[in-house]
């Protein structure tokens, strides 16, 4: 089960084999936002409070394209048994 704060690996798409931390989950649509993965450019309109421009931010990625990475099992694979 994928939860907020877990480290995941992307299985398909333009960011294949990249790793990142889950920062937000949308359970109703089975999607998650991963830090520095699936970056898109969004045009922001100028307001009195904020300056406008083009901003890069994370977009949602489907949960079926993510795999949980467990730090414990990763370290065990490195060990050599005799």
PDB file of N, CA and C in Angstrom:
ATOM      1  N   UNK A   1       0.844  -1.180   0.000  1.00  0.00           N
ATOM      2  CA  UNK A   1       0.000   0.000   0.000  1.00  0.00           C
ATOM      3  C   UNK A   1       0.889   1.244   0.000  1.00  0.00           C
ATOM      4  N   UNK A   2       0.587   2.153  -0.872  1.00  0.00           N
ATOM      5  CA  UNK A   2       1.375   3.376  -0.986  1.00  0.00           C
ATOM      6  C   UNK A   2       0.784   4.437  -0.072  1.00  0.00           C
ATOM      7  N   UNK A   3       1.640   5.028   0.770  1.00  0.00           N
ATOM      8  CA  UNK A   3       1.217   6.052   1.713  1.00  0.00           C
ATOM      9  C   UNK A   3       2.098   7.287   1.560  1.00  0.00           C
ATOM     10  N   UNK A   4       1.627   8.393   2.101  1.00  0.00           N
ATOM     11  CA  UNK A   4       2.375   9.636   2.079  1.00  0.00           C
ATOM     12  C   UNK A   4       3.672   9.461   2.873  1.00  0.00           C
ATOM     13  N   UNK A   5       4.783   9.913   2.296  1.00  0.00           N
ATOM     14  CA  UNK A   5       6.078   9.826   2.968  1.00  0.00           C
ATOM     15  C   UNK A   5       6.914   8.627   2.570  1.00  0.00           C
ATOM     16  N   UNK A   6       6.327   7.633   1.885  1.00  0.00           N
ATOM     17  CA  UNK A   6       7.087   6.457   1.449  1.00  0.00           C
ATOM     18  C   UNK A   6       7.928   6.780   0.221  1.00  0.00           C
ATOM     19  N   UNK A   7       9.028   6.059   0.067  1.00  0.00           N
ATOM     20  CA  UNK A   7       9.873   6.202  -1.107  1.00  0.00           C
ATOM     21  C   UNK A   7       9.395   5.219  -2.169  1.00  0.00           C
ATOM     22  N   UNK A   8       9.205   5.725  -3.407  1.00  0.00           N
ATOM     23  CA  UNK A   8       8.695   4.891  -4.493  1.00  0.00           C
ATOM     24  C   UNK A   8       9.574   5.028  -5.732  1.00  0.00           C
ATOM     25  N   UNK A   9       9.435   4.056  -6.631  1.00  0.00           N
ATOM     26  CA  UNK A   9      10.127   4.064  -7.914  1.00  0.00           C
ATOM     27  C   UNK A   9       9.079   4.066  -9.015  1.00  0.00           C
ATOM     28  N   UNK A  10       9.323   4.846 -10.084  1.00  0.00           N
ATOM     29  CA  UNK A  10       8.400   4.932 -11.208  1.00  0.00           C
ATOM     30  C   UNK A  10       8.682   3.773 -12.161  1.00  0.00           C
ATOM     31  N   UNK A  11       7.621   3.054 -12.566  1.00  0.00           N
ATOM     32  CA  UNK A  11       7.772   1.873 -13.420  1.00  0.00           C
ATOM     33  C   UNK A  11       7.616   2.175 -14.906  1.00  0.00           C
ATOM     34  N   UNK A  12       6.876   3.237 -15.257  1.00  0.00           N
ATOM     35  CA  UNK A  12       6.679   3.546 -16.671  1.00  0.00           C
ATOM     36  C   UNK A  12       6.488   5.042 -16.860  1.00  0.00           C
ATOM     37  N   UNK A  13       6.637   5.478 -18.118  1.00  0.00           N
ATOM     38  CA  UNK A  13       6.465   6.886 -18.441  1.00  0.00           C
ATOM     39  C   UNK A  13       7.785   7.586 -18.664  1.00  0.00           C
ATOM     40  N   UNK A  14       7.731   8.915 -18.756  1.00  0.00           N
ATOM     41  CA  UNK A  14       8.937   9.688 -19.059  1.00  0.00           C
ATOM     42  C   UNK A  14       9.944   9.689 -17.914  1.00  0.00           C
ATOM     43  N   UNK A  15       9.499   9.401 -16.695  1.00  0.00           N
ATOM     44  CA  UNK A  15      10.383   9.386 -15.528  1.00  0.00           C
ATOM     45  C   UNK A  15      10.673   7.963 -15.051  1.00  0.00           C
ATOM     46  N   UNK A  16      10.698   7.006 -15.979  1.00  0.00           N
ATOM     47  CA  UNK A  16      10.919   5.603 -15.653  1.00  0.00           C
ATOM     48  C   UNK A  16      12.230   5.408 -14.897  1.00  0.00           C
ATOM     49  N   UNK A  17      12.211   4.557 -13.862  1.00  0.00           N
ATOM     50  CA  UNK A  17      13.343   4.183 -13.017  1.00  0.00           C
ATOM     51  C   UNK A  17      13.798   5.291 -12.071  1.00  0.00           C
ATOM     52  N   UNK A  18      13.097   6.410 -12.012  1.00  0.00           N
ATOM     53  CA  UNK A  18      13.442   7.465 -11.063  1.00  0.00           C
ATOM     54  C   UNK A  18      12.775   7.166  -9.725  1.00  0.00           C
ATOM     55  N   UNK A  19      13.386   7.672  -8.652  1.00  0.00           N
ATOM     56  CA  UNK A  19      12.868   7.446  -7.313  1.00  0.00           C
ATOM     57  C   UNK A  19      12.523   8.772  -6.659  1.00  0.00           C
ATOM     58  N   UNK A  20      11.529   8.739  -5.778  1.00  0.00           N
ATOM     59  CA  UNK A  20      11.134   9.942  -5.071  1.00  0.00           C
ATOM     60  C   UNK A  20      10.207   9.613  -3.917  1.00  0.00           C
ATOM     61  N   UNK A  21       9.847  10.653  -3.152  1.00  0.00           N
ATOM     62  CA  UNK A  21       8.993  10.501  -1.980  1.00  0.00           C
ATOM     63  C   UNK A  21       7.578  10.960  -2.306  1.00  0.00           C
ATOM     64  N   UNK A  22       6.583  10.209  -1.843  1.00  0.00           N
ATOM     65  CA  UNK A  22       5.178  10.559  -2.073  1.00  0.00           C
ATOM     66  C   UNK A  22       4.837  11.770  -1.203  1.00  0.00           C
ATOM     67  N   UNK A  23       4.293  12.837  -1.842  1.00  0.00           N
ATOM     68  CA  UNK A  23       3.942  14.038  -1.092  1.00  0.00           C
ATOM     69  C   UNK A  23       2.435  14.249  -0.979  1.00  0.00           C
ATOM     70  N   UNK A  24       1.649  13.590  -1.832  1.00  0.00           N
ATOM     71  CA  UNK A  24       0.193  13.736  -1.786  1.00  0.00           C
ATOM     72  C   UNK A  24      -0.450  12.539  -2.481  1.00  0.00           C
ATOM     73  N   UNK A  25      -1.623  12.118  -1.977  1.00  0.00           N
ATOM     74  CA  UNK A  25      -2.337  10.985  -2.572  1.00  0.00           C
ATOM     75  C   UNK A  25      -3.794  11.370  -2.810  1.00  0.00           C
ATOM     76  N   UNK A  26      -4.315  10.990  -3.993  1.00  0.00           N
ATOM     77  CA  UNK A  26      -5.718  11.180  -4.337  1.00  0.00           C
ATOM     78  C   UNK A  26      -6.343   9.786  -4.450  1.00  0.00           C
ATOM     79  N   UNK A  27      -6.927   9.302  -3.354  1.00  0.00           N
ATOM     80  CA  UNK A  27      -7.454   7.931  -3.298  1.00  0.00           C
ATOM     81  C   UNK A  27      -8.629   7.714  -4.258  1.00  0.00           C
ATOM     82  N   UNK A  28      -9.464   8.728  -4.461  1.00  0.00           N
ATOM     83  CA  UNK A  28     -10.649   8.549  -5.314  1.00  0.00           C
ATOM     84  C   UNK A  28     -10.277   8.298  -6.773  1.00  0.00           C
ATOM     85  N   UNK A  29      -9.153   8.877  -7.224  1.00  0.00           N
ATOM     86  CA  UNK A  29      -8.700   8.684  -8.604  1.00  0.00           C
ATOM     87  C   UNK A  29      -7.491   7.761  -8.720  1.00  0.00           C
ATOM     88  N   UNK A  30      -7.054   7.152  -7.605  1.00  0.00           N
ATOM     89  CA  UNK A  30      -5.891   6.246  -7.573  1.00  0.00           C
ATOM     90  C   UNK A  30      -4.643   6.906  -8.128  1.00  0.00           C
ATOM     91  N   UNK A  31      -4.337   8.104  -7.670  1.00  0.00           N
ATOM     92  CA  UNK A  31      -3.178   8.840  -8.153  1.00  0.00           C
ATOM     93  C   UNK A  31      -2.376   9.397  -6.993  1.00  0.00           C
ATOM     94  N   UNK A  32      -1.091   9.650  -7.237  1.00  0.00           N
ATOM     95  CA  UNK A  32      -0.213  10.203  -6.204  1.00  0.00           C
ATOM     96  C   UNK A  32       0.737  11.215  -6.819  1.00  0.00           C
ATOM     97  N   UNK A  33       1.169  12.183  -6.012  1.00  0.00           N
ATOM     98  CA  UNK A  33       2.201  13.126  -6.421  1.00  0.00           C
ATOM     99  C   UNK A  33       3.501  12.686  -5.774  1.00  0.00           C
ATOM    100  N   UNK A  34       4.563  12.637  -6.585  1.00  0.00           N
ATOM    101  CA  UNK A  34       5.879  12.228  -6.105  1.00  0.00           C
ATOM    102  C   UNK A  34       6.830  13.411  -6.285  1.00  0.00           C
ATOM    103  N   UNK A  35       7.639  13.668  -5.277  1.00  0.00           N
ATOM    104  CA  UNK A  35       8.551  14.812  -5.295  1.00  0.00           C
ATOM    105  C   UNK A  35       9.523  14.732  -6.472  1.00  0.00           C
ATOM    106  N   UNK A  36       9.581  15.805  -7.274  1.00  0.00           N
ATOM    107  CA  UNK A  36      10.474  15.955  -8.431  1.00  0.00           C
ATOM    108  C   UNK A  36      10.199  14.954  -9.565  1.00  0.00           C
ATOM    109  N   UNK A  37       9.004  14.334  -9.598  1.00  0.00           N
ATOM    110  CA  UNK A  37       8.634  13.391 -10.655  1.00  0.00           C
ATOM    111  C   UNK A  37       7.404  13.934 -11.378  1.00  0.00           C
ATOM    112  N   UNK A  38       7.341  13.732 -12.710  1.00  0.00           N
ATOM    113  CA  UNK A  38       6.217  14.162 -13.545  1.00  0.00           C
ATOM    114  C   UNK A  38       6.008  15.671 -13.445  1.00  0.00           C
ATOM    115  N   UNK A  39       7.086  16.416 -13.649  1.00  0.00           N
ATOM    116  CA  UNK A  39       7.033  17.877 -13.568  1.00  0.00           C
ATOM    117  C   UNK A  39       6.324  18.448 -14.802  1.00  0.00           C
ATOM    118  N   UNK A  40       5.407  19.396 -14.566  1.00  0.00           N
ATOM    119  CA  UNK A  40       4.692  20.077 -15.641  1.00  0.00           C
ATOM    120  C   UNK A  40       4.830  21.581 -15.435  1.00  0.00           C
ATOM    121  N   UNK A  41       4.695  22.333 -16.527  1.00  0.00           N
ATOM    122  CA  UNK A  41       4.766  23.789 -16.444  1.00  0.00           C
ATOM    123  C   UNK A  41       3.350  24.345 -16.415  1.00  0.00           C
ATOM    124  N   UNK A  42       3.092  25.247 -15.466  1.00  0.00           N
ATOM    125  CA  UNK A  42       1.768  25.845 -15.308  1.00  0.00           C
ATOM    126  C   UNK A  42       1.896  27.357 -15.424  1.00  0.00           C
ATOM    127  N   UNK A  43       1.036  27.964 -16.237  1.00  0.00           N
ATOM    128  CA  UNK A  43       1.039  29.409 -16.412  1.00  0.00           C
ATOM    129  C   UNK A  43       0.152  30.030 -15.333  1.00  0.00           C
ATOM    130  N   UNK A  44       0.723  30.952 -14.557  1.00  0.00           N
ATOM    131  CA  UNK A  44       0.021  31.598 -13.463  1.00  0.00           C
ATOM    132  C   UNK A  44      -0.273  33.048 -13.841  1.00  0.00           C
ATOM    133  N   UNK A  45      -1.515  33.460 -13.664  1.00  0.00           N
ATOM    134  CA  UNK A  45      -1.927  34.820 -13.959  1.00  0.00           C
ATOM    135  C   UNK A  45      -1.474  35.763 -12.843  1.00  0.00           C
ATOM    136  N   UNK A  46      -1.073  36.967 -13.197  1.00  0.00           N
ATOM    137  CA  UNK A  46      -0.636  37.949 -12.216  1.00  0.00           C
ATOM    138  C   UNK A  46      -1.837  38.492 -11.438  1.00  0.00           C
ATOM    139  N   UNK A  47      -1.689  38.561 -10.109  1.00  0.00           N
ATOM    140  CA  UNK A  47      -2.703  39.158  -9.246  1.00  0.00           C
ATOM    141  C   UNK A  47      -2.045  40.243  -8.402  1.00  0.00           C
ATOM    142  N   UNK A  48      -2.821  40.924  -7.567  1.00  0.00           N
ATOM    143  CA  UNK A  48      -2.256  41.964  -6.692  1.00  0.00           C
ATOM    144  C   UNK A  48      -1.292  41.368  -5.672  1.00  0.00           C
ATOM    145  N   UNK A  49      -1.578  40.149  -5.207  1.00  0.00           N
ATOM    146  CA  UNK A  49      -0.745  39.516  -4.186  1.00  0.00           C
ATOM    147  C   UNK A  49       0.462  38.787  -4.764  1.00  0.00           C
ATOM    148  N   UNK A  50       0.276  38.133  -5.920  1.00  0.00           N
ATOM    149  CA  UNK A  50       1.332  37.279  -6.469  1.00  0.00           C
ATOM    150  C   UNK A  50       1.726  37.710  -7.869  1.00  0.00           C
ATOM    151  N   UNK A  51       3.005  37.512  -8.161  1.00  0.00           N
ATOM    152  CA  UNK A  51       3.513  37.765  -9.506  1.00  0.00           C
ATOM    153  C   UNK A  51       3.226  36.537 -10.368  1.00  0.00           C
ATOM    154  N   UNK A  52       2.838  36.750 -11.598  1.00  0.00           N
ATOM    155  CA  UNK A  52       2.525  35.647 -12.502  1.00  0.00           C
ATOM    156  C   UNK A  52       3.769  35.118 -13.188  1.00  0.00           C
ATOM    157  N   UNK A  53       3.574  34.172 -14.082  1.00  0.00           N
ATOM    158  CA  UNK A  53       4.679  33.594 -14.839  1.00  0.00           C
ATOM    159  C   UNK A  53       4.469  32.113 -15.050  1.00  0.00           C
ATOM    160  N   UNK A  54       5.534  31.443 -15.451  1.00  0.00           N
ATOM    161  CA  UNK A  54       5.492  30.006 -15.697  1.00  0.00           C
ATOM    162  C   UNK A  54       6.144  29.306 -14.517  1.00  0.00           C
ATOM    163  N   UNK A  55       5.403  28.394 -13.895  1.00  0.00           N
ATOM    164  CA  UNK A  55       5.875  27.701 -12.702  1.00  0.00           C
ATOM    165  C   UNK A  55       5.931  26.201 -12.995  1.00  0.00           C
ATOM    166  N   UNK A  56       7.021  25.532 -12.586  1.00  0.00           N
ATOM    167  CA  UNK A  56       7.121  24.073 -12.695  1.00  0.00           C
ATOM    168  C   UNK A  56       6.647  23.455 -11.389  1.00  0.00           C
ATOM    169  N   UNK A  57       5.768  22.451 -11.497  1.00  0.00           N
ATOM    170  CA  UNK A  57       5.290  21.762 -10.305  1.00  0.00           C
ATOM    171  C   UNK A  57       4.992  20.310 -10.635  1.00  0.00           C
ATOM    172  N   UNK A  58       4.854  19.490  -9.579  1.00  0.00           N
ATOM    173  CA  UNK A  58       4.579  18.069  -9.765  1.00  0.00           C
ATOM    174  C   UNK A  58       3.134  17.861 -10.177  1.00  0.00           C
ATOM    175  N   UNK A  59       2.908  16.846 -10.993  1.00  0.00           N
ATOM    176  CA  UNK A  59       1.556  16.452 -11.375  1.00  0.00           C
ATOM    177  C   UNK A  59       1.319  15.036 -10.857  1.00  0.00           C
ATOM    178  N   UNK A  60       0.055  14.632 -10.824  1.00  0.00           N
ATOM    179  CA  UNK A  60      -0.286  13.299 -10.318  1.00  0.00           C
ATOM    180  C   UNK A  60       0.150  12.213 -11.294  1.00  0.00           C
ATOM    181  N   UNK A  61       0.493  11.040 -10.735  1.00  0.00           N
ATOM    182  CA  UNK A  61       0.856   9.862 -11.516  1.00  0.00           C
ATOM    183  C   UNK A  61       0.039   8.692 -10.958  1.00  0.00           C
ATOM    184  N   UNK A  62      -0.388   7.776 -11.826  1.00  0.00           N
ATOM    185  CA  UNK A  62      -1.256   6.677 -11.403  1.00  0.00           C
ATOM    186  C   UNK A  62      -0.500   5.718 -10.489  1.00  0.00           C
ATOM    187  N   UNK A  63      -1.204   5.183  -9.488  1.00  0.00           N
ATOM    188  CA  UNK A  63      -0.583   4.290  -8.509  1.00  0.00           C
ATOM    189  C   UNK A  63      -0.038   3.007  -9.132  1.00  0.00           C
ATOM    190  N   UNK A  64      -0.610   2.567 -10.257  1.00  0.00           N
ATOM    191  CA  UNK A  64      -0.135   1.341 -10.894  1.00  0.00           C
ATOM    192  C   UNK A  64       1.248   1.528 -11.518  1.00  0.00           C
ATOM    193  N   UNK A  65       1.671   2.766 -11.685  1.00  0.00           N
ATOM    194  CA  UNK A  65       2.992   3.046 -12.255  1.00  0.00           C
ATOM    195  C   UNK A  65       4.048   3.278 -11.179  1.00  0.00           C
ATOM    196  N   UNK A  66       3.712   2.995  -9.921  1.00  0.00           N
ATOM    197  CA  UNK A  66       4.640   3.198  -8.817  1.00  0.00           C
ATOM    198  C   UNK A  66       4.903   1.890  -8.096  1.00  0.00           C
ATOM    199  N   UNK A  67       6.140   1.764  -7.565  1.00  0.00           N
ATOM    200  CA  UNK A  67       6.524   0.594  -6.782  1.00  0.00           C
ATOM    201  C   UNK A  67       7.190   1.077  -5.506  1.00  0.00           C
ATOM    202  N   UNK A  68       6.773   0.541  -4.367  1.00  0.00           N
ATOM    203  CA  UNK A  68       7.348   0.939  -3.077  1.00  0.00           C
ATOM    204  C   UNK A  68       8.756   0.376  -2.965  1.00  0.00           C
ATOM    205  N   UNK A  69       9.688   1.226  -2.526  1.00  0.00           N
ATOM    206  CA  UNK A  69      11.066   0.800  -2.309  1.00  0.00           C
ATOM    207  C   UNK A  69      11.270   0.666  -0.809  1.00  0.00           C
ATOM    208  N   UNK A  70      11.691  -0.502  -0.368  1.00  0.00           N
ATOM    209  CA  UNK A  70      11.941  -0.735   1.053  1.00  0.00           C
ATOM    210  C   UNK A  70      13.442  -0.709   1.287  1.00  0.00           C
ATOM    211  N   UNK A  71      13.891   0.176   2.135  1.00  0.00           N
ATOM    212  CA  UNK A  71      15.321   0.328   2.406  1.00  0.00           C
ATOM    213  C   UNK A  71      15.909  -0.934   3.035  1.00  0.00           C
ATOM    214  N   UNK A  72      15.113  -1.664   3.817  1.00  0.00           N
ATOM    215  CA  UNK A  72      15.606  -2.874   4.483  1.00  0.00           C
ATOM    216  C   UNK A  72      15.951  -3.957   3.461  1.00  0.00           C
ATOM    217  N   UNK A  73      15.067  -4.201   2.489  1.00  0.00           N
ATOM    218  CA  UNK A  73      15.327  -5.251   1.498  1.00  0.00           C
ATOM    219  C   UNK A  73      16.443  -4.835   0.542  1.00  0.00           C
ATOM    220  N   UNK A  74      16.593  -3.546   0.288  1.00  0.00           N
ATOM    221  CA  UNK A  74      17.643  -3.083  -0.612  1.00  0.00           C
ATOM    222  C   UNK A  74      19.026  -3.394  -0.028  1.00  0.00           C
ATOM    223  N   UNK A  75      19.187  -3.221   1.287  1.00  0.00           N
ATOM    224  CA  UNK A  75      20.477  -3.491   1.918  1.00  0.00           C
ATOM    225  C   UNK A  75      20.771  -4.991   1.980  1.00  0.00           C
ATOM    226  N   UNK A  76      19.742  -5.826   2.082  1.00  0.00           N
ATOM    227  CA  UNK A  76      19.940  -7.268   2.139  1.00  0.00           C
ATOM    228  C   UNK A  76      20.416  -7.820   0.799  1.00  0.00           C
ATOM    229  N   UNK A  77      19.997  -7.218  -0.310  1.00  0.00           N
ATOM    230  CA  UNK A  77      20.399  -7.697  -1.632  1.00  0.00           C
ATOM    231  C   UNK A  77      21.889  -7.501  -1.862  1.00  0.00           C
ATOM    232  N   UNK A  78      22.490  -6.522  -1.210  1.00  0.00           N
ATOM    233  CA  UNK A  78      23.909  -6.220  -1.395  1.00  0.00           C
ATOM    234  C   UNK A  78      24.796  -7.244  -0.676  1.00  0.00           C
ATOM    235  N   UNK A  79      24.296  -7.799   0.430  1.00  0.00           N
ATOM    236  CA  UNK A  79      25.095  -8.732   1.216  1.00  0.00           C
ATOM    237  C   UNK A  79      25.349 -10.033   0.463  1.00  0.00           C
ATOM    238  N   UNK A  80      26.546 -10.584   0.635  1.00  0.00           N
ATOM    239  CA  UNK A  80      26.925 -11.828  -0.011  1.00  0.00           C
ATOM    240  C   UNK A  80      26.894 -12.944   1.032  1.00  0.00           C
ATOM    241  N   UNK A  81      26.167 -14.033   0.740  1.00  0.00           N
ATOM    242  CA  UNK A  81      26.096 -15.170   1.668  1.00  0.00           C
ATOM    243  C   UNK A  81      27.046 -16.253   1.185  1.00  0.00           C
ATOM    244  N   UNK A  82      27.745 -16.890   2.138  1.00  0.00           N
ATOM    245  CA  UNK A  82      28.684 -17.963   1.794  1.00  0.00           C
ATOM    246  C   UNK A  82      28.200 -19.281   2.315  1.00  0.00           C
TER     247      UNK A  82
END
